[in-house]
N, C-alpha and C. Protein backbone atom coordinates (compact mmCIF):
# COMPACT_ATOMS: atom_id res chain seq x y z
N UNK A 1 18.06 46.89 33.73
CA UNK A 1 19.11 46.85 32.74
C UNK A 1 19.18 48.22 32.06
N UNK A 2 20.37 48.65 31.76
CA UNK A 2 20.58 49.94 31.11
C UNK A 2 20.20 49.83 29.64
N UNK A 3 19.40 50.81 29.18
CA UNK A 3 18.94 50.78 27.79
C UNK A 3 20.09 50.98 26.81
N UNK A 4 20.99 51.90 27.09
CA UNK A 4 22.12 52.17 26.21
C UNK A 4 23.40 51.72 26.90
N UNK A 5 24.21 50.96 26.20
CA UNK A 5 25.46 50.46 26.79
C UNK A 5 26.49 51.58 26.79
N UNK A 6 27.02 51.91 27.95
CA UNK A 6 28.10 52.88 28.04
C UNK A 6 29.41 52.13 28.21
N UNK A 7 30.50 52.85 28.07
CA UNK A 7 31.80 52.21 28.29
C UNK A 7 31.88 51.76 29.75
N UNK A 8 32.15 50.50 29.93
CA UNK A 8 32.18 49.96 31.28
C UNK A 8 33.58 50.08 31.86
N UNK A 9 33.68 50.75 32.99
CA UNK A 9 34.95 50.90 33.68
C UNK A 9 34.80 50.35 35.09
N UNK A 10 35.88 49.84 35.62
CA UNK A 10 35.88 49.35 36.99
C UNK A 10 35.61 50.52 37.93
N UNK A 11 34.96 50.23 39.05
CA UNK A 11 34.59 51.30 39.98
C UNK A 11 34.73 50.85 41.43
N UNK A 12 34.96 51.83 42.27
CA UNK A 12 34.90 51.65 43.73
C UNK A 12 33.81 52.58 44.22
N UNK A 13 32.80 52.03 44.87
CA UNK A 13 31.65 52.82 45.29
C UNK A 13 31.84 53.33 46.72
N UNK A 14 31.12 54.39 47.08
CA UNK A 14 31.29 55.00 48.41
C UNK A 14 31.09 54.04 49.59
N UNK A 15 30.27 53.01 49.40
CA UNK A 15 30.05 52.06 50.50
C UNK A 15 31.16 51.03 50.63
N UNK A 16 32.18 51.11 49.75
CA UNK A 16 33.29 50.16 49.80
C UNK A 16 33.18 49.02 48.81
N UNK A 17 32.02 48.90 48.16
CA UNK A 17 31.86 47.85 47.14
C UNK A 17 32.76 48.16 45.95
N UNK A 18 33.17 47.11 45.27
CA UNK A 18 34.05 47.26 44.11
C UNK A 18 33.49 46.41 42.98
N UNK A 19 33.47 46.99 41.78
CA UNK A 19 33.15 46.19 40.60
C UNK A 19 34.34 46.29 39.67
N UNK A 20 34.92 45.15 39.39
CA UNK A 20 36.07 45.07 38.49
C UNK A 20 35.56 44.63 37.12
N UNK A 21 35.63 45.51 36.15
CA UNK A 21 35.21 45.20 34.79
C UNK A 21 36.42 44.57 34.10
N UNK A 22 36.52 43.27 34.22
CA UNK A 22 37.74 42.58 33.82
C UNK A 22 38.09 42.77 32.35
N UNK A 23 37.10 42.93 31.50
CA UNK A 23 37.38 43.11 30.07
C UNK A 23 38.07 44.45 29.80
N UNK A 24 37.83 45.44 30.65
CA UNK A 24 38.43 46.76 30.43
C UNK A 24 39.77 46.92 31.15
N UNK A 25 40.13 45.99 32.03
CA UNK A 25 41.41 46.08 32.73
C UNK A 25 42.52 45.53 31.85
N UNK A 26 43.64 46.26 31.72
CA UNK A 26 44.76 45.71 30.95
C UNK A 26 45.49 44.63 31.75
N UNK A 27 46.12 43.71 31.03
CA UNK A 27 46.97 42.71 31.69
C UNK A 27 48.25 43.42 32.15
N UNK A 28 48.64 43.15 33.38
CA UNK A 28 49.86 43.74 33.96
C UNK A 28 50.93 42.67 34.05
N UNK A 29 52.14 42.94 33.53
CA UNK A 29 53.23 41.96 33.70
C UNK A 29 53.45 41.67 35.19
N UNK A 30 53.70 40.39 35.48
CA UNK A 30 53.79 39.96 36.87
C UNK A 30 55.19 39.50 37.20
N UNK A 31 55.35 38.90 38.36
CA UNK A 31 56.66 38.54 38.91
C UNK A 31 57.33 37.36 38.21
N UNK A 32 56.56 36.44 37.67
CA UNK A 32 57.13 35.26 37.01
C UNK A 32 57.25 35.51 35.51
N UNK A 33 58.28 34.97 34.85
CA UNK A 33 58.41 35.16 33.40
C UNK A 33 57.17 34.64 32.67
N UNK A 34 56.71 35.40 31.67
CA UNK A 34 55.57 34.96 30.88
C UNK A 34 54.25 35.00 31.62
N UNK A 35 54.17 35.81 32.68
CA UNK A 35 52.94 35.87 33.48
C UNK A 35 52.40 37.29 33.55
N UNK A 36 51.08 37.38 33.67
CA UNK A 36 50.37 38.66 33.69
C UNK A 36 49.20 38.51 34.65
N UNK A 37 48.70 39.64 35.14
CA UNK A 37 47.56 39.56 36.04
C UNK A 37 46.63 40.75 35.87
N UNK A 38 45.39 40.54 36.31
CA UNK A 38 44.40 41.59 36.46
C UNK A 38 43.97 41.52 37.92
N UNK A 39 44.33 42.53 38.69
CA UNK A 39 44.04 42.54 40.12
C UNK A 39 42.58 42.94 40.34
N UNK A 40 41.80 42.05 40.94
CA UNK A 40 40.37 42.27 41.12
C UNK A 40 40.03 42.80 42.50
N UNK A 41 40.74 42.33 43.52
CA UNK A 41 40.41 42.70 44.90
C UNK A 41 41.64 42.50 45.77
N UNK A 42 41.77 43.33 46.79
CA UNK A 42 42.80 43.13 47.79
C UNK A 42 42.20 43.34 49.17
N UNK A 43 42.73 42.60 50.12
CA UNK A 43 42.39 42.78 51.53
C UNK A 43 43.73 42.92 52.26
N UNK A 44 44.11 44.16 52.55
CA UNK A 44 45.41 44.41 53.17
C UNK A 44 45.51 43.85 54.58
N UNK A 45 44.41 43.85 55.31
CA UNK A 45 44.42 43.34 56.68
C UNK A 45 44.87 41.89 56.72
N UNK A 46 44.43 41.10 55.73
CA UNK A 46 44.75 39.68 55.71
C UNK A 46 45.79 39.34 54.63
N UNK A 47 46.29 40.34 53.89
CA UNK A 47 47.23 40.17 52.78
C UNK A 47 46.71 39.15 51.76
N UNK A 48 45.47 39.42 51.32
CA UNK A 48 44.83 38.56 50.32
C UNK A 48 44.70 39.35 49.01
N UNK A 49 45.04 38.69 47.91
CA UNK A 49 44.86 39.25 46.57
C UNK A 49 44.01 38.29 45.77
N UNK A 50 43.05 38.84 45.03
CA UNK A 50 42.24 38.06 44.11
C UNK A 50 42.56 38.58 42.72
N UNK A 51 42.98 37.69 41.83
CA UNK A 51 43.42 38.13 40.50
C UNK A 51 43.12 37.10 39.44
N UNK A 52 42.95 37.60 38.23
CA UNK A 52 43.04 36.73 37.06
C UNK A 52 44.51 36.63 36.74
N UNK A 53 45.01 35.42 36.55
CA UNK A 53 46.41 35.19 36.22
C UNK A 53 46.46 34.58 34.82
N UNK A 54 47.32 35.11 33.97
CA UNK A 54 47.50 34.57 32.63
C UNK A 54 48.96 34.17 32.48
N UNK A 55 49.19 32.96 31.97
CA UNK A 55 50.54 32.45 31.74
C UNK A 55 50.69 32.09 30.27
N UNK A 56 51.84 32.44 29.73
CA UNK A 56 52.14 32.10 28.33
C UNK A 56 52.24 30.59 28.15
N UNK A 57 51.92 30.10 26.94
CA UNK A 57 52.00 28.66 26.65
C UNK A 57 53.40 28.10 26.90
N UNK A 58 53.43 26.90 27.44
CA UNK A 58 54.64 26.09 27.64
C UNK A 58 55.71 26.78 28.48
N UNK A 59 55.31 27.73 29.32
CA UNK A 59 56.25 28.43 30.20
C UNK A 59 56.56 27.52 31.40
N UNK A 60 57.82 27.46 31.79
CA UNK A 60 58.18 26.75 33.03
C UNK A 60 58.56 27.84 34.03
N UNK A 61 57.79 27.91 35.09
CA UNK A 61 58.04 28.97 36.06
C UNK A 61 59.27 28.63 36.90
N UNK A 62 59.98 29.65 37.36
CA UNK A 62 61.08 29.37 38.28
C UNK A 62 60.50 28.93 39.63
N UNK A 63 61.31 28.28 40.45
CA UNK A 63 60.80 27.87 41.76
C UNK A 63 60.29 29.09 42.53
N UNK A 64 59.16 28.92 43.17
CA UNK A 64 58.62 29.98 44.03
C UNK A 64 57.97 29.36 45.26
N UNK A 65 57.86 30.18 46.29
CA UNK A 65 57.39 29.74 47.60
C UNK A 65 56.06 30.42 47.91
N UNK A 66 55.12 29.65 48.40
CA UNK A 66 53.83 30.19 48.85
C UNK A 66 53.91 30.48 50.34
N UNK A 67 53.85 31.76 50.70
CA UNK A 67 53.83 32.12 52.13
C UNK A 67 52.52 31.69 52.76
N UNK A 68 51.44 31.75 51.99
CA UNK A 68 50.13 31.33 52.45
C UNK A 68 49.46 30.52 51.36
N UNK A 69 48.25 30.13 51.62
CA UNK A 69 47.47 29.31 50.71
C UNK A 69 47.20 30.04 49.38
N UNK A 70 47.16 29.29 48.30
CA UNK A 70 46.73 29.79 46.99
C UNK A 70 45.57 28.91 46.52
N UNK A 71 44.47 29.55 46.17
CA UNK A 71 43.29 28.85 45.67
C UNK A 71 43.16 29.20 44.19
N UNK A 72 43.15 28.19 43.33
CA UNK A 72 43.22 28.42 41.89
C UNK A 72 42.08 27.68 41.19
N UNK A 73 41.30 28.43 40.41
CA UNK A 73 40.30 27.84 39.53
C UNK A 73 40.75 28.12 38.10
N UNK A 74 41.00 27.07 37.33
CA UNK A 74 41.52 27.22 35.97
C UNK A 74 40.37 27.49 35.00
N UNK A 75 40.40 28.67 34.38
CA UNK A 75 39.37 29.07 33.42
C UNK A 75 39.69 28.58 32.01
N UNK A 76 40.97 28.63 31.63
CA UNK A 76 41.40 28.19 30.31
C UNK A 76 42.77 27.53 30.44
N UNK A 77 43.03 26.54 29.59
CA UNK A 77 44.34 25.89 29.56
C UNK A 77 44.59 25.03 30.78
N UNK A 78 45.83 25.07 31.28
CA UNK A 78 46.16 24.27 32.45
C UNK A 78 47.63 24.33 32.76
N UNK A 79 48.00 23.63 33.82
CA UNK A 79 49.39 23.55 34.27
C UNK A 79 49.61 22.24 35.00
N UNK A 80 50.85 21.94 35.27
CA UNK A 80 51.16 20.73 36.01
C UNK A 80 52.47 20.90 36.74
N UNK A 81 52.72 19.98 37.64
CA UNK A 81 53.98 19.92 38.37
C UNK A 81 54.10 18.54 38.97
N UNK A 82 55.04 18.35 39.86
CA UNK A 82 55.35 17.00 40.34
C UNK A 82 54.16 16.25 40.95
N UNK A 83 53.13 16.94 41.37
CA UNK A 83 51.98 16.26 41.98
C UNK A 83 50.95 15.81 40.95
N UNK A 84 51.00 16.40 39.75
CA UNK A 84 50.02 16.05 38.72
C UNK A 84 49.64 17.24 37.89
N UNK A 85 48.64 17.05 37.04
CA UNK A 85 48.20 18.10 36.12
C UNK A 85 46.87 18.68 36.56
N UNK A 86 46.68 19.96 36.24
CA UNK A 86 45.46 20.69 36.57
C UNK A 86 44.91 21.24 35.26
N UNK A 87 43.64 20.94 34.98
CA UNK A 87 43.05 21.25 33.69
C UNK A 87 41.96 22.31 33.81
N UNK A 88 41.56 22.84 32.64
CA UNK A 88 40.45 23.78 32.57
C UNK A 88 39.25 23.23 33.33
N UNK A 89 38.67 24.06 34.19
CA UNK A 89 37.52 23.64 34.99
C UNK A 89 37.91 23.05 36.34
N UNK A 90 39.20 22.79 36.56
CA UNK A 90 39.66 22.23 37.84
C UNK A 90 39.89 23.35 38.87
N UNK A 91 39.74 22.98 40.12
CA UNK A 91 40.08 23.86 41.25
C UNK A 91 41.15 23.16 42.05
N UNK A 92 42.19 23.90 42.43
CA UNK A 92 43.24 23.35 43.28
C UNK A 92 43.52 24.34 44.40
N UNK A 93 43.72 23.80 45.58
CA UNK A 93 44.10 24.61 46.73
C UNK A 93 45.50 24.18 47.14
N UNK A 94 46.47 25.09 47.00
CA UNK A 94 47.86 24.81 47.36
C UNK A 94 48.11 25.40 48.74
N UNK A 95 48.61 24.61 49.68
CA UNK A 95 48.79 25.12 51.04
C UNK A 95 49.96 26.09 51.14
N UNK A 96 49.92 26.92 52.17
CA UNK A 96 51.05 27.78 52.46
C UNK A 96 52.25 26.94 52.87
N UNK A 97 53.44 27.48 52.61
CA UNK A 97 54.67 26.79 53.00
C UNK A 97 55.26 25.90 51.94
N UNK A 98 54.59 25.75 50.79
CA UNK A 98 55.16 24.89 49.75
C UNK A 98 56.03 25.70 48.79
N UNK A 99 56.99 25.00 48.20
CA UNK A 99 57.82 25.56 47.14
C UNK A 99 57.71 24.62 45.96
N UNK A 100 57.44 25.19 44.78
CA UNK A 100 57.32 24.34 43.59
C UNK A 100 57.61 25.15 42.34
N UNK A 101 57.66 24.47 41.19
CA UNK A 101 57.91 25.13 39.91
C UNK A 101 57.02 24.51 38.83
N UNK A 102 55.78 25.01 38.75
CA UNK A 102 54.85 24.48 37.76
C UNK A 102 55.31 24.73 36.33
N UNK A 103 54.80 23.89 35.42
CA UNK A 103 55.00 24.12 33.99
C UNK A 103 53.61 24.34 33.39
N UNK A 104 53.53 25.30 32.50
CA UNK A 104 52.25 25.67 31.89
C UNK A 104 52.05 24.84 30.63
N UNK A 105 50.81 24.46 30.39
CA UNK A 105 50.49 23.62 29.23
C UNK A 105 50.64 24.35 27.91
N UNK A 106 50.51 23.63 26.80
CA UNK A 106 50.73 24.20 25.47
C UNK A 106 49.71 25.26 25.06
N UNK A 107 48.57 25.33 25.75
CA UNK A 107 47.56 26.35 25.45
C UNK A 107 47.69 27.56 26.36
N UNK A 108 48.69 27.55 27.25
CA UNK A 108 48.79 28.62 28.24
C UNK A 108 47.79 28.38 29.35
N UNK A 109 47.51 29.41 30.13
CA UNK A 109 46.56 29.25 31.22
C UNK A 109 46.01 30.60 31.63
N UNK A 110 44.74 30.63 31.96
CA UNK A 110 44.13 31.76 32.65
C UNK A 110 43.40 31.17 33.83
N UNK A 111 43.62 31.76 35.00
CA UNK A 111 42.98 31.26 36.22
C UNK A 111 42.45 32.41 37.05
N UNK A 112 41.47 32.10 37.87
CA UNK A 112 41.03 32.99 38.93
C UNK A 112 41.73 32.49 40.18
N UNK A 113 42.57 33.33 40.78
CA UNK A 113 43.42 32.89 41.88
C UNK A 113 43.27 33.80 43.08
N UNK A 114 43.18 33.18 44.25
CA UNK A 114 43.17 33.90 45.52
C UNK A 114 44.48 33.58 46.22
N UNK A 115 45.30 34.60 46.45
CA UNK A 115 46.56 34.44 47.18
C UNK A 115 46.36 34.91 48.61
N UNK A 116 46.61 34.03 49.54
CA UNK A 116 46.52 34.36 50.96
C UNK A 116 47.94 34.41 51.51
N UNK A 117 48.52 35.59 51.57
CA UNK A 117 49.86 35.70 52.15
C UNK A 117 50.98 35.97 51.18
N UNK A 118 50.78 35.83 49.90
CA UNK A 118 51.81 36.19 48.94
C UNK A 118 52.76 35.08 48.55
N UNK A 119 53.68 35.45 47.63
CA UNK A 119 54.66 34.52 47.06
C UNK A 119 56.06 35.10 47.21
N UNK A 120 57.04 34.22 47.15
CA UNK A 120 58.44 34.65 47.11
C UNK A 120 59.21 33.80 46.13
N UNK A 121 60.23 34.39 45.53
CA UNK A 121 61.12 33.62 44.67
C UNK A 121 62.02 32.75 45.52
N UNK A 122 62.73 31.85 44.85
CA UNK A 122 63.67 30.96 45.54
C UNK A 122 65.01 31.12 44.84
N UNK A 123 66.07 31.39 45.62
CA UNK A 123 67.39 31.61 45.02
C UNK A 123 68.11 30.29 44.76
N UNK A 124 69.32 30.36 44.23
CA UNK A 124 70.10 29.18 43.87
C UNK A 124 70.46 28.28 45.04
N UNK A 125 70.41 28.81 46.26
CA UNK A 125 70.69 28.01 47.46
C UNK A 125 69.40 27.49 48.09
N UNK A 126 68.29 27.55 47.33
CA UNK A 126 66.99 27.07 47.79
C UNK A 126 66.45 27.86 48.98
N UNK A 127 66.83 29.14 49.06
CA UNK A 127 66.30 30.03 50.10
C UNK A 127 65.27 30.96 49.48
N UNK A 128 64.22 31.24 50.25
CA UNK A 128 63.20 32.17 49.78
C UNK A 128 63.82 33.55 49.68
N UNK A 129 63.64 34.19 48.53
CA UNK A 129 64.21 35.52 48.29
C UNK A 129 63.12 36.42 47.71
N UNK A 130 62.74 37.42 48.43
CA UNK A 130 61.75 38.37 47.93
C UNK A 130 60.34 38.04 48.38
N UNK A 131 59.45 38.96 48.09
CA UNK A 131 58.06 38.82 48.50
C UNK A 131 57.16 39.60 47.56
N UNK A 132 56.07 38.99 47.12
CA UNK A 132 55.04 39.66 46.34
C UNK A 132 53.71 39.38 47.02
N UNK A 133 53.19 40.41 47.69
CA UNK A 133 51.89 40.33 48.35
C UNK A 133 50.93 41.32 47.73
N UNK A 134 49.85 41.62 48.45
CA UNK A 134 48.81 42.47 47.85
C UNK A 134 49.32 43.89 47.59
N UNK A 135 50.17 44.45 48.43
CA UNK A 135 50.67 45.81 48.18
C UNK A 135 51.59 45.86 46.97
N UNK A 136 52.40 44.84 46.78
CA UNK A 136 53.28 44.79 45.60
C UNK A 136 52.46 44.62 44.32
N UNK A 137 51.43 43.78 44.38
CA UNK A 137 50.56 43.61 43.21
C UNK A 137 49.80 44.90 42.91
N UNK A 138 49.34 45.58 43.96
CA UNK A 138 48.66 46.86 43.78
C UNK A 138 49.59 47.87 43.08
N UNK A 139 50.83 47.97 43.54
CA UNK A 139 51.78 48.92 42.96
C UNK A 139 52.02 48.63 41.48
N UNK A 140 52.16 47.36 41.12
CA UNK A 140 52.35 46.99 39.71
C UNK A 140 51.11 47.36 38.88
N UNK A 141 49.93 47.02 39.41
CA UNK A 141 48.68 47.32 38.70
C UNK A 141 48.49 48.83 38.56
N UNK A 142 48.77 49.58 39.60
CA UNK A 142 48.63 51.04 39.56
C UNK A 142 49.54 51.64 38.49
N UNK A 143 50.79 51.18 38.45
CA UNK A 143 51.75 51.68 37.45
C UNK A 143 51.29 51.37 36.03
N UNK A 144 50.43 50.35 35.87
CA UNK A 144 49.91 49.96 34.56
C UNK A 144 48.53 50.56 34.29
N UNK A 145 48.06 51.43 35.18
CA UNK A 145 46.74 52.04 35.00
C UNK A 145 45.60 51.08 35.21
N UNK A 146 45.81 50.07 36.07
CA UNK A 146 44.80 49.02 36.25
C UNK A 146 44.38 48.84 37.71
N UNK A 147 44.40 49.94 38.50
CA UNK A 147 44.07 49.80 39.92
C UNK A 147 43.11 50.86 40.44
N UNK A 148 42.47 51.62 39.55
CA UNK A 148 41.59 52.70 40.02
C UNK A 148 40.40 52.20 40.84
N UNK A 149 40.03 50.95 40.66
CA UNK A 149 38.88 50.40 41.40
C UNK A 149 39.28 49.89 42.79
N UNK A 150 40.55 49.93 43.12
CA UNK A 150 41.04 49.39 44.39
C UNK A 150 41.42 50.52 45.34
N UNK A 151 41.25 50.29 46.65
CA UNK A 151 41.63 51.34 47.59
C UNK A 151 43.15 51.50 47.64
N UNK A 152 43.61 52.75 47.67
CA UNK A 152 45.06 52.96 47.77
C UNK A 152 45.57 52.56 49.14
N UNK A 153 46.88 52.38 49.28
CA UNK A 153 47.42 52.04 50.60
C UNK A 153 47.14 53.17 51.58
N UNK A 154 47.01 52.83 52.85
CA UNK A 154 46.81 53.89 53.85
C UNK A 154 48.05 54.78 53.93
N UNK A 155 47.84 56.01 54.30
CA UNK A 155 48.97 56.92 54.52
C UNK A 155 49.76 56.44 55.72
N UNK A 156 51.03 56.26 55.51
CA UNK A 156 51.89 55.81 56.61
C UNK A 156 52.94 56.87 56.84
N UNK A 157 52.95 57.41 58.05
CA UNK A 157 53.90 58.49 58.38
C UNK A 157 55.25 57.94 58.72
């Protein structure tokens, strides 16, 4: 253990290991209204993002589509939708291919979420419109000064 506490910053080490100091990362506004994230890890090969997600109290999200599975562990608050409610301490695995519009509880919500494949919005004709995957989340986090611990995208000619 370090005798003197220094300012803890997220780091990427030469061997590829990453430590995300979540308390020092700012919340980045996300794709859904009233939502924010702290991007902890990305795997571009598999289009996986691991993030803390924060939702404002009593927010009703617009319909969105899961291109791949989403694994959610609720740390604080909760949410619900047509299948039921999810509370603090619960884990839910939502399969890829679903479209839904959760409502956030009165205390808001913070979750640890793994996105496998990304999300898309749904337009007025019930068609998937847009895509938010690990590269889009990285770009948002980088613009907010919250991605120094993550590897940048590869150079593409």
